[in-house]
Amino acid sequence: KKPDLVFRLSSTRPYRARHEVYGIFAEC
């Protein structure tokens, strides 16, 4: 699956949260 944009959050990613599914997703 390919969301148009993903803002990857560095300082707030919770412990054990999977990188690829964590962020602010934006569909355009």
mmCIF file of all heavy atoms, coordinates in Angstrom:
data_MODEL
# 
_entry.id   MODEL 
# 
loop_
_atom_site.group_PDB 
_atom_site.id 
_atom_site.type_symbol 
_atom_site.label_atom_id 
_atom_site.label_alt_id 
_atom_site.label_comp_id 
_atom_site.label_asym_id 
_atom_site.label_entity_id 
_atom_site.label_seq_id 
_atom_site.pdbx_PDB_ins_code 
_atom_site.Cartn_x 
_atom_site.Cartn_y 
_atom_site.Cartn_z 
_atom_site.occupancy 
_atom_site.B_iso_or_equiv 
_atom_site.pdbx_formal_charge 
_atom_site.auth_seq_id 
_atom_site.auth_comp_id 
_atom_site.auth_asym_id 
_atom_site.auth_atom_id 
_atom_site.pdbx_PDB_model_num 
ATOM 1   N N   . LYS A 1 1  ? 0.851  -1.183 0.000  1.00 0.00 ? 1  LYS A N   1 
ATOM 2   C CA  . LYS A 1 1  ? 0.000  0.000  0.000  1.00 0.00 ? 1  LYS A CA  1 
ATOM 3   C C   . LYS A 1 1  ? 0.894  1.242  0.000  1.00 0.00 ? 1  LYS A C   1 
ATOM 4   O O   . LYS A 1 1  ? 1.931  1.263  0.671  1.00 0.00 ? 1  LYS A O   1 
ATOM 5   C CB  . LYS A 1 1  ? -0.923 -0.008 1.217  1.00 0.00 ? 1  LYS A CB  1 
ATOM 6   C CG  . LYS A 1 1  ? -1.915 -1.171 1.219  1.00 0.00 ? 1  LYS A CG  1 
ATOM 7   C CD  . LYS A 1 1  ? -2.812 -1.125 -0.003 1.00 0.00 ? 1  LYS A CD  1 
ATOM 8   C CE  . LYS A 1 1  ? -3.774 -2.294 -0.043 1.00 0.00 ? 1  LYS A CE  1 
ATOM 9   N NZ  . LYS A 1 1  ? -4.612 -2.289 -1.276 1.00 0.00 ? 1  LYS A NZ  1 
ATOM 10  N N   . LYS A 1 2  ? 0.500  2.257  -0.752 1.00 0.00 ? 2  LYS A N   1 
ATOM 11  C CA  . LYS A 1 2  ? 1.377  3.411  -0.945 1.00 0.00 ? 2  LYS A CA  1 
ATOM 12  C C   . LYS A 1 2  ? 0.660  4.728  -0.616 1.00 0.00 ? 2  LYS A C   1 
ATOM 13  O O   . LYS A 1 2  ? 0.119  5.392  -1.501 1.00 0.00 ? 2  LYS A O   1 
ATOM 14  C CB  . LYS A 1 2  ? 1.891  3.450  -2.382 1.00 0.00 ? 2  LYS A CB  1 
ATOM 15  C CG  . LYS A 1 2  ? 2.807  2.289  -2.746 1.00 0.00 ? 2  LYS A CG  1 
ATOM 16  C CD  . LYS A 1 2  ? 3.346  2.450  -4.163 1.00 0.00 ? 2  LYS A CD  1 
ATOM 17  C CE  . LYS A 1 2  ? 4.287  1.335  -4.528 1.00 0.00 ? 2  LYS A CE  1 
ATOM 18  N NZ  . LYS A 1 2  ? 4.836  1.492  -5.899 1.00 0.00 ? 2  LYS A NZ  1 
ATOM 19  N N   . PRO A 1 3  ? 0.659  5.136  0.638  1.00 0.00 ? 3  PRO A N   1 
ATOM 20  C CA  . PRO A 1 3  ? 0.139  6.473  0.964  1.00 0.00 ? 3  PRO A CA  1 
ATOM 21  C C   . PRO A 1 3  ? 0.961  7.536  0.248  1.00 0.00 ? 3  PRO A C   1 
ATOM 22  O O   . PRO A 1 3  ? 2.169  7.372  0.046  1.00 0.00 ? 3  PRO A O   1 
ATOM 23  C CB  . PRO A 1 3  ? 0.294  6.559  2.483  1.00 0.00 ? 3  PRO A CB  1 
ATOM 24  C CG  . PRO A 1 3  ? 1.352  5.552  2.812  1.00 0.00 ? 3  PRO A CG  1 
ATOM 25  C CD  . PRO A 1 3  ? 1.212  4.450  1.812  1.00 0.00 ? 3  PRO A CD  1 
ATOM 26  N N   . ASP A 1 4  ? 0.310  8.621  -0.151 1.00 0.00 ? 4  ASP A N   1 
ATOM 27  C CA  . ASP A 1 4  ? 1.013  9.637  -0.947 1.00 0.00 ? 4  ASP A CA  1 
ATOM 28  C C   . ASP A 1 4  ? 2.157  10.279 -0.179 1.00 0.00 ? 4  ASP A C   1 
ATOM 29  O O   . ASP A 1 4  ? 3.255  10.448 -0.715 1.00 0.00 ? 4  ASP A O   1 
ATOM 30  C CB  . ASP A 1 4  ? 0.014  10.696 -1.422 1.00 0.00 ? 4  ASP A CB  1 
ATOM 31  C CG  . ASP A 1 4  ? -0.951 10.141 -2.454 1.00 0.00 ? 4  ASP A CG  1 
ATOM 32  O OD1 . ASP A 1 4  ? -0.489 9.453  -3.376 1.00 0.00 ? 4  ASP A OD1 1 
ATOM 33  O OD2 . ASP A 1 4  ? -2.158 10.371 -2.332 1.00 0.00 ? 4  ASP A OD2 1 
ATOM 34  N N   . LEU A 1 5  ? 1.916  10.648 1.067  1.00 0.00 ? 5  LEU A N   1 
ATOM 35  C CA  . LEU A 1 5  ? 2.952  11.257 1.901  1.00 0.00 ? 5  LEU A CA  1 
ATOM 36  C C   . LEU A 1 5  ? 2.873  10.671 3.306  1.00 0.00 ? 5  LEU A C   1 
ATOM 37  O O   . LEU A 1 5  ? 1.777  10.387 3.798  1.00 0.00 ? 5  LEU A O   1 
ATOM 38  C CB  . LEU A 1 5  ? 2.776  12.776 1.993  1.00 0.00 ? 5  LEU A CB  1 
ATOM 39  C CG  . LEU A 1 5  ? 2.957  13.598 0.708  1.00 0.00 ? 5  LEU A CG  1 
ATOM 40  C CD1 . LEU A 1 5  ? 2.504  15.037 0.947  1.00 0.00 ? 5  LEU A CD1 1 
ATOM 41  C CD2 . LEU A 1 5  ? 4.408  13.562 0.231  1.00 0.00 ? 5  LEU A CD2 1 
ATOM 42  N N   . VAL A 1 6  ? 4.031  10.496 3.926  1.00 0.00 ? 6  VAL A N   1 
ATOM 43  C CA  . VAL A 1 6  ? 4.084  10.103 5.336  1.00 0.00 ? 6  VAL A CA  1 
ATOM 44  C C   . VAL A 1 6  ? 5.098  10.989 6.045  1.00 0.00 ? 6  VAL A C   1 
ATOM 45  O O   . VAL A 1 6  ? 6.274  11.026 5.670  1.00 0.00 ? 6  VAL A O   1 
ATOM 46  C CB  . VAL A 1 6  ? 4.484  8.629  5.528  1.00 0.00 ? 6  VAL A CB  1 
ATOM 47  C CG1 . VAL A 1 6  ? 4.429  8.280  7.014  1.00 0.00 ? 6  VAL A CG1 1 
ATOM 48  C CG2 . VAL A 1 6  ? 3.587  7.696  4.728  1.00 0.00 ? 6  VAL A CG2 1 
ATOM 49  N N   . PHE A 1 7  ? 4.630  11.725 7.050  1.00 0.00 ? 7  PHE A N   1 
ATOM 50  C CA  . PHE A 1 7  ? 5.516  12.495 7.917  1.00 0.00 ? 7  PHE A CA  1 
ATOM 51  C C   . PHE A 1 7  ? 6.017  11.540 9.001  1.00 0.00 ? 7  PHE A C   1 
ATOM 52  O O   . PHE A 1 7  ? 5.238  11.071 9.839  1.00 0.00 ? 7  PHE A O   1 
ATOM 53  C CB  . PHE A 1 7  ? 4.771  13.659 8.572  1.00 0.00 ? 7  PHE A CB  1 
ATOM 54  C CG  . PHE A 1 7  ? 4.389  14.765 7.637  1.00 0.00 ? 7  PHE A CG  1 
ATOM 55  C CD1 . PHE A 1 7  ? 3.303  14.623 6.774  1.00 0.00 ? 7  PHE A CD1 1 
ATOM 56  C CD2 . PHE A 1 7  ? 5.101  15.954 7.627  1.00 0.00 ? 7  PHE A CD2 1 
ATOM 57  C CE1 . PHE A 1 7  ? 2.943  15.655 5.914  1.00 0.00 ? 7  PHE A CE1 1 
ATOM 58  C CE2 . PHE A 1 7  ? 4.752  16.989 6.768  1.00 0.00 ? 7  PHE A CE2 1 
ATOM 59  C CZ  . PHE A 1 7  ? 3.663  16.831 5.911  1.00 0.00 ? 7  PHE A CZ  1 
ATOM 60  N N   . ARG A 1 8  ? 7.301  11.234 8.970  1.00 0.00 ? 8  ARG A N   1 
ATOM 61  C CA  . ARG A 1 8  ? 7.879  10.345 9.970  1.00 0.00 ? 8  ARG A CA  1 
ATOM 62  C C   . ARG A 1 8  ? 8.249  11.145 11.215 1.00 0.00 ? 8  ARG A C   1 
ATOM 63  O O   . ARG A 1 8  ? 8.976  12.139 11.131 1.00 0.00 ? 8  ARG A O   1 
ATOM 64  C CB  . ARG A 1 8  ? 9.111  9.643  9.415  1.00 0.00 ? 8  ARG A CB  1 
ATOM 65  C CG  . ARG A 1 8  ? 8.815  8.701  8.255  1.00 0.00 ? 8  ARG A CG  1 
ATOM 66  C CD  . ARG A 1 8  ? 7.897  7.560  8.674  1.00 0.00 ? 8  ARG A CD  1 
ATOM 67  N NE  . ARG A 1 8  ? 7.667  6.620  7.584  1.00 0.00 ? 8  ARG A NE  1 
ATOM 68  C CZ  . ARG A 1 8  ? 6.779  5.636  7.623  1.00 0.00 ? 8  ARG A CZ  1 
ATOM 69  N NH1 . ARG A 1 8  ? 6.052  5.467  8.720  1.00 0.00 ? 8  ARG A NH1 1 
ATOM 70  N NH2 . ARG A 1 8  ? 6.629  4.826  6.597  1.00 0.00 ? 8  ARG A NH2 1 
ATOM 71  N N   . LEU A 1 9  ? 7.749  10.699 12.357 1.00 0.00 ? 9  LEU A N   1 
ATOM 72  C CA  . LEU A 1 9  ? 7.972  11.390 13.619 1.00 0.00 ? 9  LEU A CA  1 
ATOM 73  C C   . LEU A 1 9  ? 9.146  10.735 14.335 1.00 0.00 ? 9  LEU A C   1 
ATOM 74  O O   . LEU A 1 9  ? 9.178  9.523  14.513 1.00 0.00 ? 9  LEU A O   1 
ATOM 75  C CB  . LEU A 1 9  ? 6.716  11.318 14.487 1.00 0.00 ? 9  LEU A CB  1 
ATOM 76  C CG  . LEU A 1 9  ? 5.419  11.789 13.809 1.00 0.00 ? 9  LEU A CG  1 
ATOM 77  C CD1 . LEU A 1 9  ? 4.244  11.655 14.772 1.00 0.00 ? 9  LEU A CD1 1 
ATOM 78  C CD2 . LEU A 1 9  ? 5.560  13.227 13.342 1.00 0.00 ? 9  LEU A CD2 1 
ATOM 79  N N   . SER A 1 10 ? 10.102 11.554 14.730 1.00 0.00 ? 10 SER A N   1 
ATOM 80  C CA  . SER A 1 10 ? 11.321 11.013 15.333 1.00 0.00 ? 10 SER A CA  1 
ATOM 81  C C   . SER A 1 10 ? 11.266 10.987 16.855 1.00 0.00 ? 10 SER A C   1 
ATOM 82  O O   . SER A 1 10 ? 11.602 9.984  17.476 1.00 0.00 ? 10 SER A O   1 
ATOM 83  C CB  . SER A 1 10 ? 12.538 11.816 14.867 1.00 0.00 ? 10 SER A CB  1 
ATOM 84  O OG  . SER A 1 10 ? 12.345 13.201 15.102 1.00 0.00 ? 10 SER A OG  1 
ATOM 85  N N   . SER A 1 11 ? 10.835 12.065 17.461 1.00 0.00 ? 11 SER A N   1 
ATOM 86  C CA  . SER A 1 11 ? 10.987 12.185 18.908 1.00 0.00 ? 11 SER A CA  1 
ATOM 87  C C   . SER A 1 11 ? 9.839  11.569 19.691 1.00 0.00 ? 11 SER A C   1 
ATOM 88  O O   . SER A 1 11 ? 9.931  11.427 20.905 1.00 0.00 ? 11 SER A O   1 
ATOM 89  C CB  . SER A 1 11 ? 11.122 13.663 19.297 1.00 0.00 ? 11 SER A CB  1 
ATOM 90  O OG  . SER A 1 11 ? 9.928  14.361 18.977 1.00 0.00 ? 11 SER A OG  1 
ATOM 91  N N   . THR A 1 12 ? 8.748  11.183 19.022 1.00 0.00 ? 12 THR A N   1 
ATOM 92  C CA  . THR A 1 12 ? 7.576  10.721 19.774 1.00 0.00 ? 12 THR A CA  1 
ATOM 93  C C   . THR A 1 12 ? 7.197  9.277  19.468 1.00 0.00 ? 12 THR A C   1 
ATOM 94  O O   . THR A 1 12 ? 6.169  8.813  19.934 1.00 0.00 ? 12 THR A O   1 
ATOM 95  C CB  . THR A 1 12 ? 6.360  11.617 19.467 1.00 0.00 ? 12 THR A CB  1 
ATOM 96  O OG1 . THR A 1 12 ? 6.070  11.536 18.064 1.00 0.00 ? 12 THR A OG1 1 
ATOM 97  C CG2 . THR A 1 12 ? 6.616  13.050 19.851 1.00 0.00 ? 12 THR A CG2 1 
ATOM 98  N N   . ARG A 1 13 ? 8.015  8.570  18.679 1.00 0.00 ? 13 ARG A N   1 
ATOM 99  C CA  . ARG A 1 13 ? 7.642  7.189  18.349 1.00 0.00 ? 13 ARG A CA  1 
ATOM 100 C C   . ARG A 1 13 ? 7.673  6.337  19.611 1.00 0.00 ? 13 ARG A C   1 
ATOM 101 O O   . ARG A 1 13 ? 8.698  6.204  20.262 1.00 0.00 ? 13 ARG A O   1 
ATOM 102 C CB  . ARG A 1 13 ? 8.578  6.616  17.294 1.00 0.00 ? 13 ARG A CB  1 
ATOM 103 C CG  . ARG A 1 13 ? 8.177  5.202  16.861 1.00 0.00 ? 13 ARG A CG  1 
ATOM 104 C CD  . ARG A 1 13 ? 8.599  4.926  15.435 1.00 0.00 ? 13 ARG A CD  1 
ATOM 105 N NE  . ARG A 1 13 ? 10.042 4.860  15.277 1.00 0.00 ? 13 ARG A NE  1 
ATOM 106 C CZ  . ARG A 1 13 ? 10.752 3.720  15.279 1.00 0.00 ? 13 ARG A CZ  1 
ATOM 107 N NH1 . ARG A 1 13 ? 10.145 2.570  15.440 1.00 0.00 ? 13 ARG A NH1 1 
ATOM 108 N NH2 . ARG A 1 13 ? 12.048 3.749  15.102 1.00 0.00 ? 13 ARG A NH2 1 
ATOM 109 N N   . PRO A 1 14 ? 6.537  5.741  19.960 1.00 0.00 ? 14 PRO A N   1 
ATOM 110 C CA  . PRO A 1 14 ? 6.464  4.973  21.205 1.00 0.00 ? 14 PRO A CA  1 
ATOM 111 C C   . PRO A 1 14 ? 7.365  3.738  21.167 1.00 0.00 ? 14 PRO A C   1 
ATOM 112 O O   . PRO A 1 14 ? 7.734  3.230  20.106 1.00 0.00 ? 14 PRO A O   1 
ATOM 113 C CB  . PRO A 1 14 ? 4.988  4.559  21.284 1.00 0.00 ? 14 PRO A CB  1 
ATOM 114 C CG  . PRO A 1 14 ? 4.271  5.501  20.375 1.00 0.00 ? 14 PRO A CG  1 
ATOM 115 C CD  . PRO A 1 14 ? 5.234  5.833  19.286 1.00 0.00 ? 14 PRO A CD  1 
ATOM 116 N N   . TYR A 1 15 ? 7.708  3.282  22.347 1.00 0.00 ? 15 TYR A N   1 
ATOM 117 C CA  . TYR A 1 15 ? 8.507  2.067  22.490 1.00 0.00 ? 15 TYR A CA  1 
ATOM 118 C C   . TYR A 1 15 ? 7.831  0.916  21.758 1.00 0.00 ? 15 TYR A C   1 
ATOM 119 O O   . TYR A 1 15 ? 6.644  0.668  21.908 1.00 0.00 ? 15 TYR A O   1 
ATOM 120 C CB  . TYR A 1 15 ? 8.642  1.755  23.983 1.00 0.00 ? 15 TYR A CB  1 
ATOM 121 C CG  . TYR A 1 15 ? 9.365  0.471  24.298 1.00 0.00 ? 15 TYR A CG  1 
ATOM 122 C CD1 . TYR A 1 15 ? 10.704 0.303  23.959 1.00 0.00 ? 15 TYR A CD1 1 
ATOM 123 C CD2 . TYR A 1 15 ? 8.704  -0.564 24.955 1.00 0.00 ? 15 TYR A CD2 1 
ATOM 124 C CE1 . TYR A 1 15 ? 11.378 -0.874 24.275 1.00 0.00 ? 15 TYR A CE1 1 
ATOM 125 C CE2 . TYR A 1 15 ? 9.363  -1.742 25.269 1.00 0.00 ? 15 TYR A CE2 1 
ATOM 126 C CZ  . TYR A 1 15 ? 10.701 -1.890 24.926 1.00 0.00 ? 15 TYR A CZ  1 
ATOM 127 O OH  . TYR A 1 15 ? 11.347 -3.059 25.233 1.00 0.00 ? 15 TYR A OH  1 
ATOM 128 N N   . ARG A 1 16 ? 8.585  0.214  20.910 1.00 0.00 ? 16 ARG A N   1 
ATOM 129 C CA  . ARG A 1 16 ? 8.141  -0.941 20.146 1.00 0.00 ? 16 ARG A CA  1 
ATOM 130 C C   . ARG A 1 16 ? 7.173  -0.611 19.010 1.00 0.00 ? 16 ARG A C   1 
ATOM 131 O O   . ARG A 1 16 ? 6.665  -1.505 18.358 1.00 0.00 ? 16 ARG A O   1 
ATOM 132 C CB  . ARG A 1 16 ? 7.510  -2.003 21.050 1.00 0.00 ? 16 ARG A CB  1 
ATOM 133 C CG  . ARG A 1 16 ? 8.518  -2.711 21.969 1.00 0.00 ? 16 ARG A CG  1 
ATOM 134 C CD  . ARG A 1 16 ? 7.837  -3.793 22.779 1.00 0.00 ? 16 ARG A CD  1 
ATOM 135 N NE  . ARG A 1 16 ? 8.821  -4.489 23.613 1.00 0.00 ? 16 ARG A NE  1 
ATOM 136 C CZ  . ARG A 1 16 ? 8.490  -5.399 24.523 1.00 0.00 ? 16 ARG A CZ  1 
ATOM 137 N NH1 . ARG A 1 16 ? 7.222  -5.715 24.714 1.00 0.00 ? 16 ARG A NH1 1 
ATOM 138 N NH2 . ARG A 1 16 ? 9.441  -5.988 25.238 1.00 0.00 ? 16 ARG A NH2 1 
ATOM 139 N N   . ALA A 1 17 ? 6.885  0.662  18.768 1.00 0.00 ? 17 ALA A N   1 
ATOM 140 C CA  . ALA A 1 17 ? 6.029  1.014  17.627 1.00 0.00 ? 17 ALA A CA  1 
ATOM 141 C C   . ALA A 1 17 ? 6.778  0.716  16.334 1.00 0.00 ? 17 ALA A C   1 
ATOM 142 O O   . ALA A 1 17 ? 7.951  1.054  16.189 1.00 0.00 ? 17 ALA A O   1 
ATOM 143 C CB  . ALA A 1 17 ? 5.636  2.488  17.685 1.00 0.00 ? 17 ALA A CB  1 
ATOM 144 N N   . ARG A 1 18 ? 6.113  0.083  15.389 1.00 0.00 ? 18 ARG A N   1 
ATOM 145 C CA  . ARG A 1 18 ? 6.744  -0.286 14.124 1.00 0.00 ? 18 ARG A CA  1 
ATOM 146 C C   . ARG A 1 18 ? 6.938  0.959  13.254 1.00 0.00 ? 18 ARG A C   1 
ATOM 147 O O   . ARG A 1 18 ? 5.994  1.707  12.998 1.00 0.00 ? 18 ARG A O   1 
ATOM 148 C CB  . ARG A 1 18 ? 5.871  -1.306 13.396 1.00 0.00 ? 18 ARG A CB  1 
ATOM 149 C CG  . ARG A 1 18 ? 5.809  -2.643 14.089 1.00 0.00 ? 18 ARG A CG  1 
ATOM 150 C CD  . ARG A 1 18 ? 4.678  -3.496 13.549 1.00 0.00 ? 18 ARG A CD  1 
ATOM 151 N NE  . ARG A 1 18 ? 4.753  -3.662 12.097 1.00 0.00 ? 18 ARG A NE  1 
ATOM 152 C CZ  . ARG A 1 18 ? 3.792  -4.243 11.380 1.00 0.00 ? 18 ARG A CZ  1 
ATOM 153 N NH1 . ARG A 1 18 ? 2.695  -4.681 11.970 1.00 0.00 ? 18 ARG A NH1 1 
ATOM 154 N NH2 . ARG A 1 18 ? 3.922  -4.363 10.074 1.00 0.00 ? 18 ARG A NH2 1 
ATOM 155 N N   . HIS A 1 19 ? 8.157  1.148  12.777 1.00 0.00 ? 19 HIS A N   1 
ATOM 156 C CA  . HIS A 1 19 ? 8.493  2.350  12.016 1.00 0.00 ? 19 HIS A CA  1 
ATOM 157 C C   . HIS A 1 19 ? 7.572  2.554  10.818 1.00 0.00 ? 19 HIS A C   1 
ATOM 158 O O   . HIS A 1 19 ? 7.069  3.656  10.585 1.00 0.00 ? 19 HIS A O   1 
ATOM 159 C CB  . HIS A 1 19 ? 9.945  2.275  11.530 1.00 0.00 ? 19 HIS A CB  1 
ATOM 160 C CG  . HIS A 1 19 ? 10.288 3.308  10.490 1.00 0.00 ? 19 HIS A CG  1 
ATOM 161 N ND1 . HIS A 1 19 ? 10.596 4.610  10.823 1.00 0.00 ? 19 HIS A ND1 1 
ATOM 162 C CD2 . HIS A 1 19 ? 10.341 3.230  9.132  1.00 0.00 ? 19 HIS A CD2 1 
ATOM 163 C CE1 . HIS A 1 19 ? 10.829 5.293  9.712  1.00 0.00 ? 19 HIS A CE1 1 
ATOM 164 N NE2 . HIS A 1 19 ? 10.685 4.486  8.676  1.00 0.00 ? 19 HIS A NE2 1 
ATOM 165 N N   . GLU A 1 20 ? 7.326  1.497  10.040 1.00 0.00 ? 20 GLU A N   1 
ATOM 166 C CA  . GLU A 1 20 ? 6.623  1.653  8.772  1.00 0.00 ? 20 GLU A CA  1 
ATOM 167 C C   . GLU A 1 20 ? 5.156  2.029  8.933  1.00 0.00 ? 20 GLU A C   1 
ATOM 168 O O   . GLU A 1 20 ? 4.538  2.554  8.010  1.00 0.00 ? 20 GLU A O   1 
ATOM 169 C CB  . GLU A 1 20 ? 6.757  0.375  7.920  1.00 0.00 ? 20 GLU A CB  1 
ATOM 170 C CG  . GLU A 1 20 ? 5.940  -0.815 8.385  1.00 0.00 ? 20 GLU A CG  1 
ATOM 171 C CD  . GLU A 1 20 ? 6.649  -1.665 9.429  1.00 0.00 ? 20 GLU A CD  1 
ATOM 172 O OE1 . GLU A 1 20 ? 7.644  -1.182 10.032 1.00 0.00 ? 20 GLU A OE1 1 
ATOM 173 O OE2 . GLU A 1 20 ? 6.212  -2.814 9.638  1.00 0.00 ? 20 GLU A OE2 1 
ATOM 174 N N   . VAL A 1 21 ? 4.575  1.787  10.093 1.00 0.00 ? 21 VAL A N   1 
ATOM 175 C CA  . VAL A 1 21 ? 3.144  2.090  10.276 1.00 0.00 ? 21 VAL A CA  1 
ATOM 176 C C   . VAL A 1 21 ? 2.920  3.239  11.256 1.00 0.00 ? 21 VAL A C   1 
ATOM 177 O O   . VAL A 1 21 ? 1.785  3.535  11.623 1.00 0.00 ? 21 VAL A O   1 
ATOM 178 C CB  . VAL A 1 21 ? 2.362  0.839  10.740 1.00 0.00 ? 21 VAL A CB  1 
ATOM 179 C CG1 . VAL A 1 21 ? 2.449  -0.244 9.693  1.00 0.00 ? 21 VAL A CG1 1 
ATOM 180 C CG2 . VAL A 1 21 ? 2.836  0.332  12.100 1.00 0.00 ? 21 VAL A CG2 1 
ATOM 181 N N   . TYR A 1 22 ? 4.009  3.910  11.654 1.00 0.00 ? 22 TYR A N   1 
ATOM 182 C CA  . TYR A 1 22 ? 3.892  5.019  12.595 1.00 0.00 ? 22 TYR A CA  1 
ATOM 183 C C   . TYR A 1 22 ? 4.252  6.329  11.907 1.00 0.00 ? 22 TYR A C   1 
ATOM 184 O O   . TYR A 1 22 ? 5.333  6.456  11.317 1.00 0.00 ? 22 TYR A O   1 
ATOM 185 C CB  . TYR A 1 22 ? 4.821  4.808  13.800 1.00 0.00 ? 22 TYR A CB  1 
ATOM 186 C CG  . TYR A 1 22 ? 4.714  5.911  14.830 1.00 0.00 ? 22 TYR A CG  1 
ATOM 187 C CD1 . TYR A 1 22 ? 3.632  5.961  15.699 1.00 0.00 ? 22 TYR A CD1 1 
ATOM 188 C CD2 . TYR A 1 22 ? 5.680  6.903  14.915 1.00 0.00 ? 22 TYR A CD2 1 
ATOM 189 C CE1 . TYR A 1 22 ? 3.519  6.973  16.637 1.00 0.00 ? 22 TYR A CE1 1 
ATOM 190 C CE2 . TYR A 1 22 ? 5.583  7.916  15.849 1.00 0.00 ? 22 TYR A CE2 1 
ATOM 191 C CZ  . TYR A 1 22 ? 4.499  7.948  16.711 1.00 0.00 ? 22 TYR A CZ  1 
ATOM 192 O OH  . TYR A 1 22 ? 4.384  8.960  17.625 1.00 0.00 ? 22 TYR A OH  1 
ATOM 193 N N   . GLY A 1 23 ? 3.373  7.291  11.965 1.00 0.00 ? 23 GLY A N   1 
ATOM 194 C CA  . GLY A 1 23 ? 3.623  8.594  11.366 1.00 0.00 ? 23 GLY A CA  1 
ATOM 195 C C   . GLY A 1 23 ? 2.319  9.312  11.085 1.00 0.00 ? 23 GLY A C   1 
ATOM 196 O O   . GLY A 1 23 ? 1.227  8.838  11.419 1.00 0.00 ? 23 GLY A O   1 
ATOM 197 N N   . ILE A 1 24 ? 2.424  10.474 10.477 1.00 0.00 ? 24 ILE A N   1 
ATOM 198 C CA  . ILE A 1 24 ? 1.247  11.225 10.030 1.00 0.00 ? 24 ILE A CA  1 
ATOM 199 C C   . ILE A 1 24 ? 1.068  10.919 8.548  1.00 0.00 ? 24 ILE A C   1 
ATOM 200 O O   . ILE A 1 24 ? 1.854  11.375 7.711  1.00 0.00 ? 24 ILE A O   1 
ATOM 201 C CB  . ILE A 1 24 ? 1.403  12.729 10.272 1.00 0.00 ? 24 ILE A CB  1 
ATOM 202 C CG1 . ILE A 1 24 ? 1.620  13.022 11.764 1.00 0.00 ? 24 ILE A CG1 1 
ATOM 203 C CG2 . ILE A 1 24 ? 0.164  13.476 9.761  1.00 0.00 ? 24 ILE A CG2 1 
ATOM 204 C CD1 . ILE A 1 24 ? 1.907  14.476 12.064 1.00 0.00 ? 24 ILE A CD1 1 
ATOM 205 N N   . PHE A 1 25 ? 0.059  10.142 8.231  1.00 0.00 ? 25 PHE A N   1 
ATOM 206 C CA  . PHE A 1 25 ? -0.199 9.736  6.853  1.00 0.00 ? 25 PHE A CA  1 
ATOM 207 C C   . PHE A 1 25 ? -1.061 10.790 6.166  1.00 0.00 ? 25 PHE A C   1 
ATOM 208 O O   . PHE A 1 25 ? -1.993 11.336 6.762  1.00 0.00 ? 25 PHE A O   1 
ATOM 209 C CB  . PHE A 1 25 ? -0.917 8.382  6.826  1.00 0.00 ? 25 PHE A CB  1 
ATOM 210 C CG  . PHE A 1 25 ? -0.050 7.234  7.270  1.00 0.00 ? 25 PHE A CG  1 
ATOM 211 C CD1 . PHE A 1 25 ? 0.185  7.004  8.619  1.00 0.00 ? 25 PHE A CD1 1 
ATOM 212 C CD2 . PHE A 1 25 ? 0.543  6.391  6.342  1.00 0.00 ? 25 PHE A CD2 1 
ATOM 213 C CE1 . PHE A 1 25 ? 0.993  5.956  9.036  1.00 0.00 ? 25 PHE A CE1 1 
ATOM 214 C CE2 . PHE A 1 25 ? 1.349  5.337  6.745  1.00 0.00 ? 25 PHE A CE2 1 
ATOM 215 C CZ  . PHE A 1 25 ? 1.580  5.120  8.097  1.00 0.00 ? 25 PHE A CZ  1 
ATOM 216 N N   . ALA A 1 26 ? -0.757 11.055 4.896  1.00 0.00 ? 26 ALA A N   1 
ATOM 217 C CA  . ALA A 1 26 ? -1.520 12.038 4.116  1.00 0.00 ? 26 ALA A CA  1 
ATOM 218 C C   . ALA A 1 26 ? -1.824 11.457 2.743  1.00 0.00 ? 26 ALA A C   1 
ATOM 219 O O   . ALA A 1 26 ? -0.909 11.078 2.008  1.00 0.00 ? 26 ALA A O   1 
ATOM 220 C CB  . ALA A 1 26 ? -0.744 13.342 3.978  1.00 0.00 ? 26 ALA A CB  1 
ATOM 221 N N   . GLU A 1 27 ? -3.098 11.368 2.411  1.00 0.00 ? 27 GLU A N   1 
ATOM 222 C CA  . GLU A 1 27 ? -3.535 10.924 1.089  1.00 0.00 ? 27 GLU A CA  1 
ATOM 223 C C   . GLU A 1 27 ? -3.938 12.153 0.284  1.00 0.00 ? 27 GLU A C   1 
ATOM 224 O O   . GLU A 1 27 ? -4.611 13.057 0.807  1.00 0.00 ? 27 GLU A O   1 
ATOM 225 C CB  . GLU A 1 27 ? -4.709 9.953  1.212  1.00 0.00 ? 27 GLU A CB  1 
ATOM 226 C CG  . GLU A 1 27 ? -5.220 9.383  -0.082 1.00 0.00 ? 27 GLU A CG  1 
ATOM 227 C CD  . GLU A 1 27 ? -4.232 8.438  -0.766 1.00 0.00 ? 27 GLU A CD  1 
ATOM 228 O OE1 . GLU A 1 27 ? -3.175 8.118  -0.183 1.00 0.00 ? 27 GLU A OE1 1 
ATOM 229 O OE2 . GLU A 1 27 ? -4.520 8.027  -1.898 1.00 0.00 ? 27 GLU A OE2 1 
ATOM 230 N N   . CYS A 1 28 ? -3.520 12.234 -0.980 1.00 0.00 ? 28 CYS A N   1 
ATOM 231 C CA  . CYS A 1 28 ? -3.724 13.421 -1.811 1.00 0.00 ? 28 CYS A CA  1 
ATOM 232 C C   . CYS A 1 28 ? -4.602 13.082 -3.009 1.00 0.00 ? 28 CYS A C   1 
ATOM 233 O O   . CYS A 1 28 ? -4.409 12.043 -3.645 1.00 0.00 ? 28 CYS A O   1 
ATOM 234 C CB  . CYS A 1 28 ? -2.385 13.970 -2.304 1.00 0.00 ? 28 CYS A CB  1 
ATOM 235 S SG  . CYS A 1 28 ? -1.148 14.205 -0.995 1.00 0.00 ? 28 CYS A SG  1 
# 
